[in-house]
Protein backbone atom coordinates (compact mmCIF):
# COMPACT_ATOMS: atom_id res chain seq x y z
CA MET A 1 -28.51 80.50 91.98
CA MET A 2 -25.04 79.98 90.51
CA ARG A 3 -26.42 77.38 88.14
CA TYR A 4 -29.11 79.84 87.01
CA VAL A 5 -26.62 82.66 86.42
CA THR A 6 -24.24 80.37 84.57
CA SER A 7 -27.01 79.09 82.30
CA SER A 8 -28.18 82.63 81.60
CA LEU A 9 -24.72 83.79 80.68
CA LEU A 10 -24.28 80.79 78.45
CA CYS A 11 -27.50 81.59 76.62
CA LEU A 12 -26.36 85.19 76.14
CA LEU A 13 -23.03 84.03 74.73
CA ILE A 14 -24.73 81.65 72.30
CA ALA A 15 -27.15 84.35 71.19
CA SER A 16 -24.28 86.77 70.67
CA ALA A 17 -22.28 84.25 68.66
CA HIS A 18 -25.23 83.80 66.31
CA ALA A 19 -26.35 87.44 66.16
CA VAL A 20 -27.41 88.68 62.74
CA ASN A 21 -27.32 92.34 61.82
CA PRO A 22 -30.03 93.88 59.63
CA PRO A 23 -29.09 93.49 55.96
CA PHE A 24 -27.29 96.28 54.16
CA CYS A 25 -29.05 97.56 51.04
CA VAL A 26 -26.59 99.19 48.62
CA ASP A 27 -27.18 100.95 45.31
CA THR A 28 -23.92 102.85 44.69
CA PRO A 29 -20.25 101.84 44.62
CA GLN A 30 -19.52 103.95 47.71
CA LYS A 31 -22.36 102.39 49.68
CA LEU A 32 -20.98 98.99 48.79
CA ARG A 33 -17.54 99.97 50.08
CA ASP A 34 -19.04 101.44 53.25
CA ALA A 35 -21.07 98.29 53.86
CA PHE A 36 -17.95 96.13 53.63
CA VAL A 37 -16.08 98.33 56.12
CA THR A 38 -18.97 98.31 58.58
CA ALA A 39 -19.48 94.56 58.22
CA GLN A 40 -15.84 93.70 58.85
CA ASN A 41 -15.94 95.77 62.05
CA ASN A 42 -19.18 94.23 63.32
CA GLY A 43 -17.51 91.62 65.50
CA PRO A 44 -19.03 88.14 65.71
CA ALA A 45 -22.40 89.12 64.24
CA SER A 46 -23.30 87.81 60.80
CA ASN A 47 -23.92 90.25 57.97
CA GLU A 48 -25.74 90.25 54.66
CA ILE A 49 -25.04 92.75 51.88
CA ARG A 50 -27.80 93.06 49.29
CA ILE A 51 -26.84 94.77 46.05
CA VAL A 52 -29.49 96.48 43.96
CA ARG A 53 -29.65 95.51 40.30
CA GLY A 54 -27.38 97.67 38.14
CA THR A 55 -23.73 98.23 37.22
CA TYR A 56 -21.06 99.23 39.75
CA SER A 57 -17.60 100.38 38.64
CA THR A 58 -14.64 99.92 40.94
CA GLY A 59 -13.07 103.14 39.67
CA GLY A 60 -9.73 101.32 39.67
CA THR A 61 -9.84 100.14 43.32
CA ARG A 62 -11.44 96.77 43.93
CA PHE A 63 -14.24 96.23 46.41
CA VAL A 64 -12.85 94.52 49.52
CA TYR A 65 -14.10 92.84 52.66
CA ASP A 66 -11.15 91.70 54.77
CA ALA A 67 -11.70 90.51 58.32
CA GLY A 68 -7.93 90.05 58.66
CA SER A 69 -6.74 87.88 61.52
CA SER A 70 -9.69 88.74 63.75
CA ALA A 71 -10.98 85.79 65.76
CA SER A 72 -14.44 87.31 66.03
CA ASP A 73 -15.67 87.95 62.50
CA GLY A 74 -19.05 86.49 61.65
CA ASN A 75 -20.55 85.01 58.52
CA LEU A 76 -20.97 87.20 55.44
CA VAL A 77 -23.41 86.82 52.53
CA VAL A 78 -23.08 89.06 49.46
CA GLU A 79 -25.83 88.76 46.84
CA GLY A 80 -27.01 90.73 43.84
CA GLY A 81 -30.35 90.89 42.06
CA TYR A 82 -32.33 93.06 44.48
CA ASN A 83 -34.96 95.71 43.79
CA ALA A 84 -34.55 99.33 44.96
CA ASP A 85 -35.41 98.71 48.63
CA CYS A 86 -33.90 95.20 48.74
CA THR A 87 -37.18 93.50 49.63
CA THR A 88 -37.34 91.24 46.59
CA GLN A 89 -34.68 89.47 44.56
CA ILE A 90 -34.37 88.08 41.05
CA PRO A 91 -31.77 85.26 41.22
CA ASN A 92 -30.02 86.10 37.95
CA ALA A 93 -26.34 87.07 37.86
CA ALA A 94 -26.70 89.10 34.65
CA LEU A 95 -28.68 91.79 36.47
CA THR A 96 -25.98 92.96 38.89
CA VAL A 97 -22.60 93.81 37.38
CA LEU A 98 -19.37 94.73 39.18
CA ASP A 99 -16.92 96.16 36.65
CA GLY A 100 -13.17 96.50 37.19
CA ALA A 101 -12.77 98.66 34.05
CA GLY A 102 -9.55 96.78 33.23
CA LEU A 103 -7.71 98.54 36.05
CA ALA A 104 -7.67 96.22 39.07
CA GLY A 105 -9.33 93.21 40.65
CA VAL A 106 -13.08 93.53 41.13
CA LEU A 107 -14.19 91.89 44.39
CA SER A 108 -12.23 90.27 47.20
CA VAL A 109 -14.19 88.85 50.14
CA GLY A 110 -12.25 87.08 52.90
CA GLY A 111 -12.75 86.15 56.55
CA SER A 112 -10.79 84.40 59.24
CA VAL A 113 -13.54 82.59 61.15
CA GLY A 114 -16.94 83.05 59.55
CA SER A 115 -18.30 81.51 56.38
CA ILE A 116 -18.31 83.59 53.18
CA THR A 117 -20.95 83.38 50.43
CA VAL A 118 -21.07 85.32 47.13
CA LYS A 119 -23.99 84.83 44.71
CA TYR A 120 -25.83 86.35 41.75
CA LEU A 121 -23.13 88.72 40.49
CA THR A 122 -21.44 89.37 37.17
CA ILE A 123 -17.76 90.13 37.70
CA GLN A 124 -16.02 91.58 34.66
CA ASN A 125 -12.95 93.41 33.37
CA GLY A 126 -10.66 92.66 36.31
CA LYS A 127 -6.91 93.20 36.05
CA ASN A 128 -3.75 92.02 37.87
CA GLN A 129 -5.57 90.38 40.83
CA ASP A 130 -8.26 87.73 41.27
CA ALA A 131 -11.32 89.13 39.54
CA LEU A 132 -13.46 87.46 42.22
CA GLY A 133 -11.75 86.11 45.33
CA VAL A 134 -13.76 84.29 48.01
CA GLY A 135 -12.11 82.76 51.06
CA SER A 136 -12.25 81.89 54.73
CA VAL A 137 -9.30 80.85 56.87
CA ASN A 138 -11.37 78.85 59.34
CA GLY A 139 -14.85 78.75 57.79
CA ASN A 140 -16.71 77.72 54.66
CA ALA A 141 -16.58 79.43 51.27
CA THR A 142 -19.30 79.47 48.62
CA ALA A 143 -19.17 81.07 45.17
CA SER A 144 -22.33 80.20 43.26
CA PHE A 145 -24.53 81.56 40.46
CA ASN A 146 -21.92 84.09 39.27
CA ILE A 147 -20.61 85.12 35.85
CA VAL A 148 -16.89 85.95 35.68
CA ARG A 149 -15.62 87.22 32.34
CA ASN A 150 -13.13 89.32 30.39
CA SER A 151 -10.56 89.58 33.16
CA GLN A 152 -6.76 89.38 33.29
CA PRO A 153 -5.63 88.17 36.71
CA SER A 154 -1.92 87.87 37.40
CA GLY A 155 0.05 85.78 39.87
CA VAL A 156 1.01 82.12 40.32
CA LEU A 157 -2.21 81.19 42.14
CA ALA A 158 -4.43 83.93 40.76
CA GLY A 159 -7.69 83.11 39.04
CA ALA A 160 -10.58 84.87 37.42
CA LEU A 161 -12.53 83.09 40.16
CA SER A 162 -10.50 82.04 43.19
CA VAL A 163 -11.99 80.16 46.16
CA ALA A 164 -10.06 79.03 49.24
CA ALA A 165 -11.13 77.75 52.65
CA SER A 166 -10.38 75.32 55.44
CA GLY A 167 -14.09 74.54 55.70
CA THR A 168 -16.47 73.21 53.08
CA ILE A 169 -16.10 74.75 49.61
CA HIS A 170 -19.00 75.05 47.18
CA VAL A 171 -18.47 76.27 43.61
CA ASP A 172 -21.81 75.82 41.86
CA ASN A 173 -23.61 77.14 38.79
CA ASN A 174 -20.97 79.65 37.68
CA LEU A 175 -20.13 80.71 34.12
CA VAL A 176 -16.45 81.60 33.72
CA TYR A 177 -15.38 82.56 30.22
CA ALA A 178 -13.13 84.74 28.03
CA ASN A 179 -10.55 85.39 30.74
CA ASP A 180 -6.85 85.80 29.89
CA LEU A 181 -4.83 84.26 32.69
CA GLY A 182 -1.33 85.52 31.81
CA ASP A 183 0.79 83.75 34.43
CA GLY A 184 -2.21 82.93 36.64
CA GLY A 185 -3.09 79.54 38.04
CA GLY A 186 -6.30 79.00 36.10
CA SER A 187 -9.59 80.58 35.21
CA VAL A 188 -10.95 78.94 38.36
CA VAL A 189 -8.55 78.32 41.26
CA ILE A 190 -9.73 76.19 44.20
CA LEU A 191 -7.50 75.75 47.24
CA MET A 192 -8.45 73.38 50.08
CA SER A 193 -6.64 74.01 53.35
CA GLY A 194 -8.70 71.97 55.82
CA ASN A 195 -10.08 68.49 56.40
CA VAL A 196 -13.55 68.82 54.85
CA ASN A 197 -14.74 68.29 51.31
CA THR A 198 -15.07 70.47 48.23
CA PHE A 199 -18.01 70.35 45.81
CA VAL A 200 -17.87 71.75 42.27
CA THR A 201 -21.19 71.32 40.49
CA ASN A 202 -22.84 72.49 37.24
CA ASN A 203 -20.28 75.10 36.21
CA THR A 204 -19.41 76.15 32.67
CA VAL A 205 -15.75 77.12 32.25
CA THR A 206 -14.88 77.82 28.63
CA GLY A 207 -12.85 79.97 26.27
CA ASN A 208 -10.21 80.96 28.84
CA THR A 209 -6.58 81.37 27.76
CA ASN A 210 -3.21 81.23 29.44
CA ALA A 211 -0.01 81.92 27.51
CA SER A 212 2.36 81.09 30.39
CA VAL A 213 5.02 78.52 29.49
CA SER A 214 5.57 77.39 33.09
CA ASN A 215 1.87 77.29 34.03
CA PRO A 216 -0.26 77.14 30.88
CA ASN A 217 -3.51 75.97 32.49
CA GLY A 218 -6.47 77.99 31.26
CA GLY A 219 -9.16 75.89 32.93
CA VAL A 220 -9.68 74.81 36.54
CA TYR A 221 -6.78 74.46 38.97
CA PHE A 222 -7.39 72.47 42.17
CA SER A 223 -4.90 71.91 44.98
CA TYR A 224 -4.48 71.14 48.65
CA PHE A 225 -2.89 74.14 50.31
CA PHE A 226 -1.12 74.19 53.67
CA THR A 227 -2.81 70.99 54.86
CA SER A 228 -1.66 67.48 55.59
CA SER A 229 -5.18 66.06 55.61
CA THR A 230 -6.77 64.38 52.61
CA PRO A 231 -10.37 65.55 52.14
CA ALA A 232 -12.17 64.71 48.93
CA ALA A 233 -13.18 66.94 46.02
CA TYR A 234 -16.26 66.12 43.95
CA PHE A 235 -16.69 67.52 40.43
CA SER A 236 -20.15 66.86 38.98
CA ASN A 237 -22.14 68.04 35.92
CA ASN A 238 -19.49 70.55 34.82
CA ILE A 239 -18.39 71.72 31.38
CA PHE A 240 -14.64 72.48 31.21
CA TRP A 241 -14.19 72.97 27.49
CA ASN A 242 -12.03 74.90 25.01
CA ASN A 243 -9.62 76.32 27.59
CA SER A 244 -5.94 76.62 26.70
CA SER A 245 -3.86 73.60 27.62
CA THR A 246 -5.56 71.73 30.47
CA GLY A 247 -9.27 71.97 31.24
CA LEU A 248 -8.83 70.51 34.74
CA TYR A 249 -5.47 70.43 36.49
CA VAL A 250 -5.23 68.74 39.89
CA ASN A 251 -1.97 69.53 41.64
CA GLY A 252 -0.19 66.61 43.31
CA ALA A 253 -0.71 62.87 43.60
CA THR A 254 -2.56 63.10 46.92
CA ALA A 255 -5.12 65.55 45.59
CA GLN A 256 -5.47 63.52 42.40
CA ALA A 257 -6.26 60.39 44.41
CA GLN A 258 -9.01 62.24 46.28
CA THR A 259 -10.62 63.85 43.21
CA HIS A 260 -13.90 62.29 42.11
CA LEU A 261 -15.35 63.13 38.69
CA HIS A 262 -18.97 62.36 37.80
CA ASN A 263 -20.89 63.28 34.63
CA ASN A 264 -18.57 66.05 33.43
CA ASP A 265 -17.56 67.24 29.97
CA ILE A 266 -13.82 67.88 30.18
CA GLY A 267 -11.71 68.83 27.20
CA SER A 268 -8.47 67.66 28.83
CA ALA A 269 -7.27 66.80 32.32
CA ASN A 270 -4.24 65.48 34.19
CA VAL A 271 -6.46 63.03 36.12
CA ASP A 272 -8.35 59.93 35.01
CA THR A 273 -11.71 60.84 33.47
CA SER A 274 -12.64 57.34 32.28
CA CYS A 275 -14.94 56.61 35.20
CA CYS A 276 -18.44 57.67 35.97
CA LEU A 277 -19.98 58.96 32.75
CA ASN A 278 -17.44 61.69 32.02
CA VAL A 279 -17.14 62.68 28.36
CA SER A 280 -15.01 64.88 26.15
CA VAL A 281 -17.27 66.26 23.42
CA ALA A 282 -18.05 69.67 21.97
CA PRO A 283 -20.88 71.11 24.10
CA GLN A 284 -22.61 72.80 21.15
CA PHE A 285 -23.44 76.09 22.84
CA VAL A 286 -26.17 78.22 21.26
CA ASP A 287 -23.74 80.91 20.07
CA LYS A 288 -20.50 81.67 21.89
CA ASN A 289 -19.85 84.54 19.47
CA VAL A 290 -22.58 86.50 21.26
CA ASP A 291 -21.74 85.07 24.70
CA ASN A 292 -24.66 82.67 24.71
CA TYR A 293 -23.44 79.59 26.59
CA HIS A 294 -26.78 77.86 26.91
CA LEU A 295 -26.78 74.41 25.37
CA SER A 296 -28.37 74.19 21.94
CA ALA A 297 -31.16 71.76 21.14
CA ALA A 298 -28.56 69.53 19.43
CA SER A 299 -26.15 69.40 22.38
CA PRO A 300 -25.09 65.90 23.48
CA LEU A 301 -24.94 67.19 27.07
CA LEU A 302 -28.68 67.72 27.52
CA GLY A 303 -30.08 65.49 30.25
CA THR A 304 -26.77 63.73 30.94
CA GLY A 305 -26.06 65.08 34.44
CA THR A 306 -26.38 63.21 37.70
CA THR A 307 -29.50 64.21 39.61
CA ALA A 308 -27.86 63.46 42.95
CA PRO A 309 -24.31 64.88 42.93
CA SER A 310 -22.22 64.84 46.07
CA GLY A 311 -22.82 68.09 47.91
CA GLY A 312 -26.32 68.45 46.51
CA LEU A 313 -27.85 69.71 43.27
CA PRO A 314 -28.55 73.46 42.91
CA LEU A 315 -32.30 74.05 42.77
CA LEU A 316 -31.98 76.70 40.05
CA ASP A 317 -29.76 77.32 37.05
CA LEU A 318 -27.82 80.51 36.31
CA ASP A 319 -30.90 82.13 34.76
CA GLY A 320 -32.95 81.41 37.86
CA ASN A 321 -34.92 78.64 36.17
CA PRO A 322 -35.59 75.23 37.76
CA ARG A 323 -32.61 72.89 37.47
CA PHE A 324 -34.66 69.77 36.67
CA PHE A 325 -36.29 69.35 33.26
CA ASN A 326 -38.52 66.27 32.79
CA GLY A 327 -36.66 64.68 35.69
CA LEU A 328 -33.28 65.15 33.99
CA VAL A 329 -30.39 67.54 34.53
CA ASP A 330 -28.17 69.16 31.89
CA LEU A 331 -24.44 69.73 32.23
CA GLY A 332 -23.14 73.23 32.83
CA ALA A 333 -24.53 76.39 34.38
CA TYR A 334 -27.77 76.53 32.36
CA GLU A 335 -30.72 74.16 32.21
CA ARG A 336 -32.64 73.97 28.93
CA GLY A 337 -35.93 75.04 30.56
CA ASN A 338 -39.03 74.76 28.45
CA GLU A 339 -38.35 73.09 25.08
CA ILE A 340 -39.79 76.12 23.30
CA PHE A 341 -36.66 78.02 24.33
CA ALA A 342 -34.17 75.26 23.53
CA ASP A 343 -32.85 76.97 20.40
CA GLY A 344 -31.83 80.00 22.46
CA PHE A 345 -33.63 82.60 20.34
CA ASP A 346 -36.02 83.59 23.10
CA ARG A 347 -33.46 83.88 25.91
């Protein structure tokens, strides 16, 4: 009898630890705030917040999910692109916009135990804080398929997109451009604090500036943070181009030794880029003057990506189109798609 009771209790505990609440469906800024508050008080259950397509202004106070030091917070997924009743989704970041109105940071999502995922959002016009911050003290962190633009974060380790975790980090298929970093760490800041790997795949990071004399990096900043372990970081199929000073800055000799670069286009870096099909060439975007960062038909980066990057290849590009084209993969956040659209006029 004791064995039966013990087994039953164990099953209940396992079920509780993996409980999943019904998804939140939000279509106003206040509903989004309310969903974050409810989710962070939901204990160990996992939560999903679905955001209906449209534009959401912060009104000067950023949207925040903060599980604090709780040892019982569950996983959280935040995704845009949904229809009015959140039953169907279009996986395209351009359709769901969170706007900081140049007054404050836009979205900060952090947990202490669970894994955090943010996808299919445009984050714009942030000020003084990370425009998009994603982190987990003891879990995984994923920031994928997002557009982050026209923001002015401030602080030594601040970024337009900032991702930190002790678990696995994925930064995939993001477009980060036209951010002014001030004294920030970089347009993309990635901090590893555990003993598992980081994967940065098919991102386009371009046109970001940083006027700081002491920390002029306008591109990607990667560092170990509060950890004595030496996990690896894999950068594959990325475009880090036309950012002020350094396109990729890896902080410290230990982190540099564990950074692996494959099939990237990097304007400048403080690590060796001579291995593994990395290049430093103008991407030839369709038209950056109208924020079109698809690759033109003349781009030397078409079809030059690895089809099997460490951490896996995203199945879709930032437009929601298939990532493979004729068995090849382009660099950056966008795949060329059908050749009829390669000149960009029909996008």
